[in-house]
Amino acid sequence: MPRSIDCLVNVDFADRPQPEFMTRVKEDYFKGDDSFLSSPELDQLIEGMDAHGVEKAILMTRVTDVDGRSLRFVEARPDRFALGVGGFNLLRPMKALRQLQAFTDQHPVAYASVGPSFWGDGMYPPTDAVYYPLYAKCCELDLPLCMNTGIPGPPLPADPQHPLHLDRVCYRFPELRLSMIHGADPWWDVAIRLMLKYENLRLMTSAWAPKYLPEELLHFMRTRGKDRVMFATDYPVLSFERCLAEAAALDLPDEVREAWLYGNANAFFFGGS
């Protein structure tokens, strides 16, 4: 069984009210059942990870969280979990930066996260100056930043998540370790071209069943992008079982599959070799 790091896992969907658009995403995009918005117990999550070779998972949380399920899981099993933290109010930048500093001081954080379509009514693409304090702070902390790219599933503005916006971000912040998340559909070619151009840019295949990944991305992974693409499920949106079974079935050399499933994330988020 190949080992993997799941770079984006949700454990608190059922613990907090979900916006109406999540129901639409569940039903219209993923045809999901009740497990789509569930919250696992720690033993249940560990059991599922062990059964499918997931050695470590990055659990999503919010910078304002003080006692959520993600924090409790990380405290209980720091050997198996780290945190991805979002929920920043970038219109109040100094407060947001103080929150991020305090959060990283207290918890094992693998990356910060922001979805340009999901806040501020989708008015702020990544080139907007409202993001610049966060970019600078992540550089200062040497903390990776993950940003949603591609047309979002919910009925929200899509333009802020066009990967071409990251061209200027990568140019102005070459020290920023930046990853696109949730793929880049329908702009895969743009995302690939940017990864060829910028050493500091990566892509995460979260929320994409591997059998639906486009051939142009798989070709990039086999050739010039062996170290650029990282695996994630967006659990429970997609299960460990399904994603890893489909990953095993893809036409990829073993060393490329190993890098995608484990090695690239281990290097980018955890400083491994």
C-alpha atoms as a PDB file:
ATOM      1  CA  MET A   1       0.000   0.000   0.000  1.00  0.00           C
ATOM      2  CA  PRO A   2       1.553   3.367  -0.994  1.00  0.00           C
ATOM      3  CA  ARG A   3       1.967   5.939   1.762  1.00  0.00           C
ATOM      4  CA  SER A   4       0.349   9.348   1.466  1.00  0.00           C
ATOM      5  CA  ILE A   5      -0.102  12.734   3.088  1.00  0.00           C
ATOM      6  CA  ASP A   6      -3.615  14.139   2.743  1.00  0.00           C
ATOM      7  CA  CYS A   7      -3.095  17.878   2.493  1.00  0.00           C
ATOM      8  CA  LEU A   8      -6.700  18.984   3.076  1.00  0.00           C
ATOM      9  CA  VAL A   9      -9.105  17.276   5.467  1.00  0.00           C
ATOM     10  CA  ASN A  10     -12.245  18.685   7.094  1.00  0.00           C
ATOM     11  CA  VAL A  11     -13.362  17.305  10.453  1.00  0.00           C
ATOM     12  CA  ASP A  12     -15.886  19.889  11.672  1.00  0.00           C
ATOM     13  CA  PHE A  13     -18.541  20.232   8.939  1.00  0.00           C
ATOM     14  CA  ALA A  14     -21.290  18.922  11.231  1.00  0.00           C
ATOM     15  CA  ASP A  15     -20.105  21.031  14.172  1.00  0.00           C
ATOM     16  CA  ARG A  16     -21.039  24.394  12.684  1.00  0.00           C
ATOM     17  CA  PRO A  17     -23.807  25.716  10.429  1.00  0.00           C
ATOM     18  CA  GLN A  18     -23.012  25.341   6.748  1.00  0.00           C
ATOM     19  CA  PRO A  19     -24.040  27.905   4.120  1.00  0.00           C
ATOM     20  CA  GLU A  20     -26.824  26.886   1.786  1.00  0.00           C
ATOM     21  CA  PHE A  21     -24.424  26.641  -1.124  1.00  0.00           C
ATOM     22  CA  MET A  22     -22.720  23.652   0.502  1.00  0.00           C
ATOM     23  CA  THR A  23     -25.940  21.680   0.105  1.00  0.00           C
ATOM     24  CA  ARG A  24     -26.001  22.630  -3.566  1.00  0.00           C
ATOM     25  CA  VAL A  25     -22.384  21.551  -3.998  1.00  0.00           C
ATOM     26  CA  LYS A  26     -23.148  18.264  -2.271  1.00  0.00           C
ATOM     27  CA  GLU A  27     -26.158  17.515  -4.440  1.00  0.00           C
ATOM     28  CA  ASP A  28     -25.318  19.143  -7.785  1.00  0.00           C
ATOM     29  CA  TYR A  29     -21.565  18.559  -8.063  1.00  0.00           C
ATOM     30  CA  PHE A  30     -20.711  15.532  -5.980  1.00  0.00           C
ATOM     31  CA  LYS A  31     -24.052  13.678  -5.681  1.00  0.00           C
ATOM     32  CA  GLY A  32     -22.991  13.138  -2.087  1.00  0.00           C
ATOM     33  CA  ASP A  33     -24.766  11.292   0.698  1.00  0.00           C
ATOM     34  CA  ASP A  34     -25.097  12.290   4.366  1.00  0.00           C
ATOM     35  CA  SER A  35     -21.395  11.627   4.978  1.00  0.00           C
ATOM     36  CA  PHE A  36     -20.552  14.665   2.812  1.00  0.00           C
ATOM     37  CA  LEU A  37     -21.035  17.090   5.718  1.00  0.00           C
ATOM     38  CA  SER A  38     -20.137  14.754   8.582  1.00  0.00           C
ATOM     39  CA  SER A  39     -17.660  15.171  11.448  1.00  0.00           C
ATOM     40  CA  PRO A  40     -15.608  12.066  12.328  1.00  0.00           C
ATOM     41  CA  GLU A  41     -14.471  11.076  15.774  1.00  0.00           C
ATOM     42  CA  LEU A  42     -10.727  10.823  16.288  1.00  0.00           C
ATOM     43  CA  ASP A  43     -10.617   7.013  16.379  1.00  0.00           C
ATOM     44  CA  GLN A  44     -12.776   6.817  13.253  1.00  0.00           C
ATOM     45  CA  LEU A  45     -10.492   9.162  11.344  1.00  0.00           C
ATOM     46  CA  ILE A  46      -7.307   7.388  12.424  1.00  0.00           C
ATOM     47  CA  GLU A  47      -8.811   4.032  11.498  1.00  0.00           C
ATOM     48  CA  GLY A  48      -9.689   5.283   8.013  1.00  0.00           C
ATOM     49  CA  MET A  49      -6.232   6.760   7.529  1.00  0.00           C
ATOM     50  CA  ASP A  50      -4.506   3.567   8.658  1.00  0.00           C
ATOM     51  CA  ALA A  51      -6.661   1.433   6.377  1.00  0.00           C
ATOM     52  CA  HIS A  52      -5.577   3.406   3.315  1.00  0.00           C
ATOM     53  CA  GLY A  53      -1.975   4.361   4.050  1.00  0.00           C
ATOM     54  CA  VAL A  54      -2.536   8.021   4.985  1.00  0.00           C
ATOM     55  CA  GLU A  55       0.388   8.718   7.302  1.00  0.00           C
ATOM     56  CA  LYS A  56      -0.452  12.368   8.009  1.00  0.00           C
ATOM     57  CA  ALA A  57      -3.388  14.722   7.388  1.00  0.00           C
ATOM     58  CA  ILE A  58      -3.651  18.507   7.435  1.00  0.00           C
ATOM     59  CA  LEU A  59      -6.894  19.498   9.161  1.00  0.00           C
ATOM     60  CA  MET A  60      -8.676  22.717   8.239  1.00  0.00           C
ATOM     61  CA  THR A  61      -9.602  25.205  10.941  1.00  0.00           C
ATOM     62  CA  ARG A  62     -10.224  28.920  11.415  1.00  0.00           C
ATOM     63  CA  VAL A  63      -7.860  31.409  12.972  1.00  0.00           C
ATOM     64  CA  THR A  64     -10.565  32.273  15.527  1.00  0.00           C
ATOM     65  CA  ASP A  65     -10.977  28.650  16.658  1.00  0.00           C
ATOM     66  CA  VAL A  66     -10.066  28.068  20.306  1.00  0.00           C
ATOM     67  CA  ASP A  67     -11.430  24.582  21.032  1.00  0.00           C
ATOM     68  CA  GLY A  68     -12.570  22.992  17.783  1.00  0.00           C
ATOM     69  CA  ARG A  69     -12.350  19.396  16.693  1.00  0.00           C
ATOM     70  CA  SER A  70      -9.277  20.057  14.524  1.00  0.00           C
ATOM     71  CA  LEU A  71      -7.353  21.542  17.440  1.00  0.00           C
ATOM     72  CA  ARG A  72      -8.325  18.671  19.723  1.00  0.00           C
ATOM     73  CA  PHE A  73      -7.246  16.086  17.151  1.00  0.00           C
ATOM     74  CA  VAL A  74      -3.882  17.774  16.635  1.00  0.00           C
ATOM     75  CA  GLU A  75      -3.294  18.013  20.365  1.00  0.00           C
ATOM     76  CA  ALA A  76      -4.134  14.328  20.807  1.00  0.00           C
ATOM     77  CA  ARG A  77      -2.076  13.066  17.839  1.00  0.00           C
ATOM     78  CA  PRO A  78       0.581  15.579  16.763  1.00  0.00           C
ATOM     79  CA  ASP A  79       2.368  12.722  15.010  1.00  0.00           C
ATOM     80  CA  ARG A  80      -0.544  12.338  12.577  1.00  0.00           C
ATOM     81  CA  PHE A  81      -1.995  15.826  12.147  1.00  0.00           C
ATOM     82  CA  ALA A  82      -1.102  19.437  11.411  1.00  0.00           C
ATOM     83  CA  LEU A  83      -3.354  22.418  10.707  1.00  0.00           C
ATOM     84  CA  GLY A  84      -4.347  24.502   7.721  1.00  0.00           C
ATOM     85  CA  VAL A  85      -5.723  27.799   9.014  1.00  0.00           C
ATOM     86  CA  GLY A  86      -8.065  30.256   7.303  1.00  0.00           C
ATOM     87  CA  GLY A  87     -10.944  32.550   8.191  1.00  0.00           C
ATOM     88  CA  PHE A  88      -8.973  35.808   7.967  1.00  0.00           C
ATOM     89  CA  ASN A  89     -10.716  39.168   7.762  1.00  0.00           C
ATOM     90  CA  LEU A  90      -8.243  40.789   5.399  1.00  0.00           C
ATOM     91  CA  LEU A  91     -10.130  44.081   5.540  1.00  0.00           C
ATOM     92  CA  ARG A  92      -8.735  44.398   9.074  1.00  0.00           C
ATOM     93  CA  PRO A  93      -5.173  43.396   8.265  1.00  0.00           C
ATOM     94  CA  MET A  94      -3.371  44.147  11.518  1.00  0.00           C
ATOM     95  CA  LYS A  95      -5.870  42.164  13.571  1.00  0.00           C
ATOM     96  CA  ALA A  96      -5.662  39.293  11.081  1.00  0.00           C
ATOM     97  CA  LEU A  97      -1.859  39.260  11.223  1.00  0.00           C
ATOM     98  CA  ARG A  98      -1.825  39.307  15.023  1.00  0.00           C
ATOM     99  CA  GLN A  99      -4.268  36.398  15.019  1.00  0.00           C
ATOM    100  CA  LEU A 100      -2.105  34.430  12.594  1.00  0.00           C
ATOM    101  CA  GLN A 101       1.039  35.083  14.615  1.00  0.00           C
ATOM    102  CA  ALA A 102      -0.635  33.983  17.849  1.00  0.00           C
ATOM    103  CA  PHE A 103      -2.125  30.910  16.200  1.00  0.00           C
ATOM    104  CA  THR A 104       1.178  29.748  14.731  1.00  0.00           C
ATOM    105  CA  ASP A 105       2.887  30.370  18.085  1.00  0.00           C
ATOM    106  CA  GLN A 106       0.431  28.007  19.792  1.00  0.00           C
ATOM    107  CA  HIS A 107      -0.284  25.294  17.197  1.00  0.00           C
ATOM    108  CA  PRO A 108       1.480  23.185  14.531  1.00  0.00           C
ATOM    109  CA  VAL A 109       0.397  25.014  11.364  1.00  0.00           C
ATOM    110  CA  ALA A 110       1.327  23.598   7.948  1.00  0.00           C
ATOM    111  CA  TYR A 111      -0.167  26.467   5.940  1.00  0.00           C
ATOM    112  CA  ALA A 112      -2.473  29.463   5.891  1.00  0.00           C
ATOM    113  CA  SER A 113      -5.417  29.400   3.482  1.00  0.00           C
ATOM    114  CA  VAL A 114      -7.736  31.835   1.722  1.00  0.00           C
ATOM    115  CA  GLY A 115     -10.401  31.423  -0.974  1.00  0.00           C
ATOM    116  CA  PRO A 116     -10.771  34.595  -3.076  1.00  0.00           C
ATOM    117  CA  SER A 117     -14.312  33.710  -4.210  1.00  0.00           C
ATOM    118  CA  PHE A 118     -15.492  32.915  -0.690  1.00  0.00           C
ATOM    119  CA  TRP A 119     -15.060  36.188   1.172  1.00  0.00           C
ATOM    120  CA  GLY A 120     -15.662  39.869   0.472  1.00  0.00           C
ATOM    121  CA  ASP A 121     -18.392  39.001  -2.056  1.00  0.00           C
ATOM    122  CA  GLY A 122     -15.668  37.837  -4.421  1.00  0.00           C
ATOM    123  CA  MET A 123     -14.521  41.416  -4.980  1.00  0.00           C
ATOM    124  CA  TYR A 124     -10.820  40.899  -4.268  1.00  0.00           C
ATOM    125  CA  PRO A 125      -8.597  38.914  -6.661  1.00  0.00           C
ATOM    126  CA  PRO A 126      -5.188  37.862  -5.311  1.00  0.00           C
ATOM    127  CA  THR A 127      -3.538  40.879  -6.959  1.00  0.00           C
ATOM    128  CA  ASP A 128      -5.495  43.266  -4.736  1.00  0.00           C
ATOM    129  CA  ALA A 129      -3.454  45.088  -2.099  1.00  0.00           C
ATOM    130  CA  VAL A 130      -5.771  43.736   0.591  1.00  0.00           C
ATOM    131  CA  TYR A 131      -3.791  40.464   0.447  1.00  0.00           C
ATOM    132  CA  TYR A 132      -0.336  41.992   0.628  1.00  0.00           C
ATOM    133  CA  PRO A 133      -0.039  42.076   4.440  1.00  0.00           C
ATOM    134  CA  LEU A 134      -0.887  38.353   4.524  1.00  0.00           C
ATOM    135  CA  TYR A 135       1.671  37.594   1.813  1.00  0.00           C
ATOM    136  CA  ALA A 136       4.337  39.510   3.713  1.00  0.00           C
ATOM    137  CA  LYS A 137       3.472  37.811   7.011  1.00  0.00           C
ATOM    138  CA  CYS A 138       3.616  34.339   5.455  1.00  0.00           C
ATOM    139  CA  CYS A 139       7.035  35.195   4.018  1.00  0.00           C
ATOM    140  CA  GLU A 140       8.165  36.421   7.432  1.00  0.00           C
ATOM    141  CA  LEU A 141       6.938  33.203   9.097  1.00  0.00           C
ATOM    142  CA  ASP A 142       8.170  31.010   6.206  1.00  0.00           C
ATOM    143  CA  LEU A 143       4.615  29.670   6.197  1.00  0.00           C
ATOM    144  CA  PRO A 144       3.104  28.328   2.962  1.00  0.00           C
ATOM    145  CA  LEU A 145      -0.083  29.960   1.718  1.00  0.00           C
ATOM    146  CA  CYS A 146      -2.766  27.960  -0.105  1.00  0.00           C
ATOM    147  CA  MET A 147      -5.262  29.797  -2.328  1.00  0.00           C
ATOM    148  CA  ASN A 148      -8.348  28.422  -4.088  1.00  0.00           C
ATOM    149  CA  THR A 149      -8.098  28.468  -7.862  1.00  0.00           C
ATOM    150  CA  GLY A 150     -10.545  27.444 -10.560  1.00  0.00           C
ATOM    151  CA  ILE A 151     -14.259  28.085 -10.898  1.00  0.00           C
ATOM    152  CA  PRO A 152     -15.805  27.351  -7.487  1.00  0.00           C
ATOM    153  CA  GLY A 153     -18.583  24.818  -7.113  1.00  0.00           C
ATOM    154  CA  PRO A 154     -20.913  27.194  -5.243  1.00  0.00           C
ATOM    155  CA  PRO A 155     -22.664  30.013  -7.152  1.00  0.00           C
ATOM    156  CA  LEU A 156     -19.994  32.578  -6.302  1.00  0.00           C
ATOM    157  CA  PRO A 157     -17.892  34.893  -8.497  1.00  0.00           C
ATOM    158  CA  ALA A 158     -15.268  32.858 -10.334  1.00  0.00           C
ATOM    159  CA  ASP A 159     -12.933  35.511 -11.736  1.00  0.00           C
ATOM    160  CA  PRO A 160     -11.014  36.077  -8.452  1.00  0.00           C
ATOM    161  CA  GLN A 161      -9.872  32.466  -8.635  1.00  0.00           C
ATOM    162  CA  HIS A 162      -8.373  32.586 -12.119  1.00  0.00           C
ATOM    163  CA  PRO A 163      -4.792  31.339 -11.619  1.00  0.00           C
ATOM    164  CA  LEU A 164      -3.423  34.090 -13.841  1.00  0.00           C
ATOM    165  CA  HIS A 165      -3.853  36.464 -10.876  1.00  0.00           C
ATOM    166  CA  LEU A 166      -1.040  34.542  -9.182  1.00  0.00           C
ATOM    167  CA  ASP A 167       1.414  35.570 -11.890  1.00  0.00           C
ATOM    168  CA  ARG A 168       1.885  38.995 -10.329  1.00  0.00           C
ATOM    169  CA  VAL A 169       1.807  37.554  -6.790  1.00  0.00           C
ATOM    170  CA  CYS A 170       4.638  35.124  -7.544  1.00  0.00           C
ATOM    171  CA  TYR A 171       6.574  37.877  -9.314  1.00  0.00           C
ATOM    172  CA  ARG A 172       6.307  40.325  -6.418  1.00  0.00           C
ATOM    173  CA  PHE A 173       6.731  37.745  -3.632  1.00  0.00           C
ATOM    174  CA  PRO A 174       9.320  35.196  -4.812  1.00  0.00           C
ATOM    175  CA  GLU A 175       9.893  34.244  -1.162  1.00  0.00           C
ATOM    176  CA  LEU A 176       6.248  33.197  -0.734  1.00  0.00           C
ATOM    177  CA  ARG A 177       5.658  29.452  -0.805  1.00  0.00           C
ATOM    178  CA  LEU A 178       2.322  29.366  -2.603  1.00  0.00           C
ATOM    179  CA  SER A 179       0.012  26.522  -3.595  1.00  0.00           C
ATOM    180  CA  MET A 180      -3.155  26.501  -5.648  1.00  0.00           C
ATOM    181  CA  ILE A 181      -5.845  24.290  -4.097  1.00  0.00           C
ATOM    182  CA  HIS A 182      -8.928  22.529  -5.459  1.00  0.00           C
ATOM    183  CA  GLY A 183      -7.308  22.228  -8.875  1.00  0.00           C
ATOM    184  CA  ALA A 184      -7.603  24.989 -11.470  1.00  0.00           C
ATOM    185  CA  ASP A 185     -10.527  23.980 -13.668  1.00  0.00           C
ATOM    186  CA  PRO A 186     -11.014  25.086 -16.444  1.00  0.00           C
ATOM    187  CA  TRP A 187      -7.668  26.914 -16.468  1.00  0.00           C
ATOM    188  CA  TRP A 188      -5.351  23.931 -15.997  1.00  0.00           C
ATOM    189  CA  ASP A 189      -3.009  25.021 -18.787  1.00  0.00           C
ATOM    190  CA  VAL A 190      -2.555  28.444 -17.195  1.00  0.00           C
ATOM    191  CA  ALA A 191      -1.805  26.865 -13.814  1.00  0.00           C
ATOM    192  CA  ILE A 192       0.757  24.532 -15.374  1.00  0.00           C
ATOM    193  CA  ARG A 193       2.423  27.347 -17.285  1.00  0.00           C
ATOM    194  CA  LEU A 194       2.716  29.365 -14.071  1.00  0.00           C
ATOM    195  CA  MET A 195       4.304  26.423 -12.250  1.00  0.00           C
ATOM    196  CA  LEU A 196       6.857  26.160 -15.050  1.00  0.00           C
ATOM    197  CA  LYS A 197       7.566  29.858 -14.665  1.00  0.00           C
ATOM    198  CA  TYR A 198       7.771  30.170 -10.858  1.00  0.00           C
ATOM    199  CA  GLU A 199       9.805  27.932  -8.575  1.00  0.00           C
ATOM    200  CA  ASN A 200       7.714  28.835  -5.522  1.00  0.00           C
ATOM    201  CA  LEU A 201       4.328  27.713  -6.918  1.00  0.00           C
ATOM    202  CA  ARG A 202       2.583  24.350  -6.414  1.00  0.00           C
ATOM    203  CA  LEU A 203      -0.864  22.814  -7.025  1.00  0.00           C
ATOM    204  CA  MET A 204      -2.977  20.604  -4.755  1.00  0.00           C
ATOM    205  CA  THR A 205      -5.540  18.188  -6.224  1.00  0.00           C
ATOM    206  CA  SER A 206      -7.995  18.562  -3.325  1.00  0.00           C
ATOM    207  CA  ALA A 207     -11.702  18.045  -4.126  1.00  0.00           C
ATOM    208  CA  TRP A 208     -10.824  16.242  -7.370  1.00  0.00           C
ATOM    209  CA  ALA A 209     -11.437  12.536  -7.753  1.00  0.00           C
ATOM    210  CA  PRO A 210      -8.186  11.366  -9.369  1.00  0.00           C
ATOM    211  CA  LYS A 211      -9.912   9.691 -12.296  1.00  0.00           C
ATOM    212  CA  TYR A 212     -11.167  13.126 -13.400  1.00  0.00           C
ATOM    213  CA  LEU A 213      -7.780  14.855 -13.366  1.00  0.00           C
ATOM    214  CA  PRO A 214      -7.054  16.142 -16.892  1.00  0.00           C
ATOM    215  CA  GLU A 215      -4.414  14.536 -19.066  1.00  0.00           C
ATOM    216  CA  GLU A 216      -2.468  17.789 -19.339  1.00  0.00           C
ATOM    217  CA  LEU A 217      -1.904  17.757 -15.573  1.00  0.00           C
ATOM    218  CA  LEU A 218      -0.924  14.074 -15.558  1.00  0.00           C
ATOM    219  CA  HIS A 219       1.541  14.758 -18.382  1.00  0.00           C
ATOM    220  CA  PHE A 220       3.013  17.639 -16.377  1.00  0.00           C
ATOM    221  CA  MET A 221       3.345  15.342 -13.358  1.00  0.00           C
ATOM    222  CA  ARG A 222       5.176  12.721 -15.442  1.00  0.00           C
ATOM    223  CA  THR A 223       7.578  15.238 -16.983  1.00  0.00           C
ATOM    224  CA  ARG A 224       8.576  18.716 -15.810  1.00  0.00           C
ATOM    225  CA  GLY A 225       6.232  18.832 -12.811  1.00  0.00           C
ATOM    226  CA  LYS A 226       7.347  15.792 -10.830  1.00  0.00           C
ATOM    227  CA  ASP A 227       7.854  17.930  -7.708  1.00  0.00           C
ATOM    228  CA  ARG A 228       4.970  20.391  -8.147  1.00  0.00           C
ATOM    229  CA  VAL A 229       1.653  18.589  -7.525  1.00  0.00           C
ATOM    230  CA  MET A 230       0.369  17.408  -4.126  1.00  0.00           C
ATOM    231  CA  PHE A 231      -2.389  15.010  -3.134  1.00  0.00           C
ATOM    232  CA  ALA A 232      -5.466  15.838  -1.045  1.00  0.00           C
ATOM    233  CA  THR A 233      -9.027  14.546  -0.764  1.00  0.00           C
ATOM    234  CA  ASP A 234     -11.047  17.367   0.834  1.00  0.00           C
ATOM    235  CA  TYR A 235     -12.411  14.592   3.093  1.00  0.00           C
ATOM    236  CA  PRO A 236     -15.288  13.937   3.755  1.00  0.00           C
ATOM    237  CA  VAL A 237     -16.227  15.514   0.406  1.00  0.00           C
ATOM    238  CA  LEU A 238     -14.210  12.666  -1.139  1.00  0.00           C
ATOM    239  CA  SER A 239     -13.141   9.582   0.787  1.00  0.00           C
ATOM    240  CA  PHE A 240      -9.644   8.233   1.369  1.00  0.00           C
ATOM    241  CA  GLU A 241     -10.788   4.921  -0.087  1.00  0.00           C
ATOM    242  CA  ARG A 242     -12.025   6.349  -3.379  1.00  0.00           C
ATOM    243  CA  CYS A 243      -9.216   8.830  -3.968  1.00  0.00           C
ATOM    244  CA  LEU A 244      -6.370   6.454  -3.199  1.00  0.00           C
ATOM    245  CA  ALA A 245      -7.899   3.614  -5.213  1.00  0.00           C
ATOM    246  CA  GLU A 246      -8.272   5.932  -8.198  1.00  0.00           C
ATOM    247  CA  ALA A 247      -4.756   7.317  -7.662  1.00  0.00           C
ATOM    248  CA  ALA A 248      -3.372   3.782  -7.798  1.00  0.00           C
ATOM    249  CA  ALA A 249      -5.162   3.184 -11.113  1.00  0.00           C
ATOM    250  CA  LEU A 250      -3.723   6.235 -12.922  1.00  0.00           C
ATOM    251  CA  ASP A 251      -1.096   5.770 -15.608  1.00  0.00           C
ATOM    252  CA  LEU A 252       1.787   7.225 -13.627  1.00  0.00           C
ATOM    253  CA  PRO A 253       5.298   5.899 -12.978  1.00  0.00           C
ATOM    254  CA  ASP A 254       5.702   4.683  -9.408  1.00  0.00           C
ATOM    255  CA  GLU A 255       8.145   7.462  -8.514  1.00  0.00           C
ATOM    256  CA  VAL A 256       5.745  10.113  -9.828  1.00  0.00           C
ATOM    257  CA  ARG A 257       2.848   8.629  -7.868  1.00  0.00           C
ATOM    258  CA  GLU A 258       4.983   8.489  -4.700  1.00  0.00           C
ATOM    259  CA  ALA A 259       5.980  12.147  -5.118  1.00  0.00           C
ATOM    260  CA  TRP A 260       2.366  13.244  -5.690  1.00  0.00           C
ATOM    261  CA  LEU A 261       0.934  11.207  -2.819  1.00  0.00           C
ATOM    262  CA  TYR A 262       3.669  11.839  -0.262  1.00  0.00           C
ATOM    263  CA  GLY A 263       7.047  13.282  -1.170  1.00  0.00           C
ATOM    264  CA  ASN A 264       6.038  16.685  -2.569  1.00  0.00           C
ATOM    265  CA  ALA A 265       3.847  17.571   0.413  1.00  0.00           C
ATOM    266  CA  ASN A 266       6.434  16.266   2.849  1.00  0.00           C
ATOM    267  CA  ALA A 267       9.005  18.613   1.323  1.00  0.00           C
ATOM    268  CA  PHE A 268       6.760  21.645   0.817  1.00  0.00           C
ATOM    269  CA  PHE A 269       4.851  21.639   4.108  1.00  0.00           C
ATOM    270  CA  PHE A 270       7.105  19.713   6.495  1.00  0.00           C
ATOM    271  CA  GLY A 271      10.634  20.293   5.226  1.00  0.00           C
ATOM    272  CA  GLY A 272      11.270  16.631   4.505  1.00  0.00           C
ATOM    273  CA  SER A 273      13.375  15.208   1.727  1.00  0.00           C
END
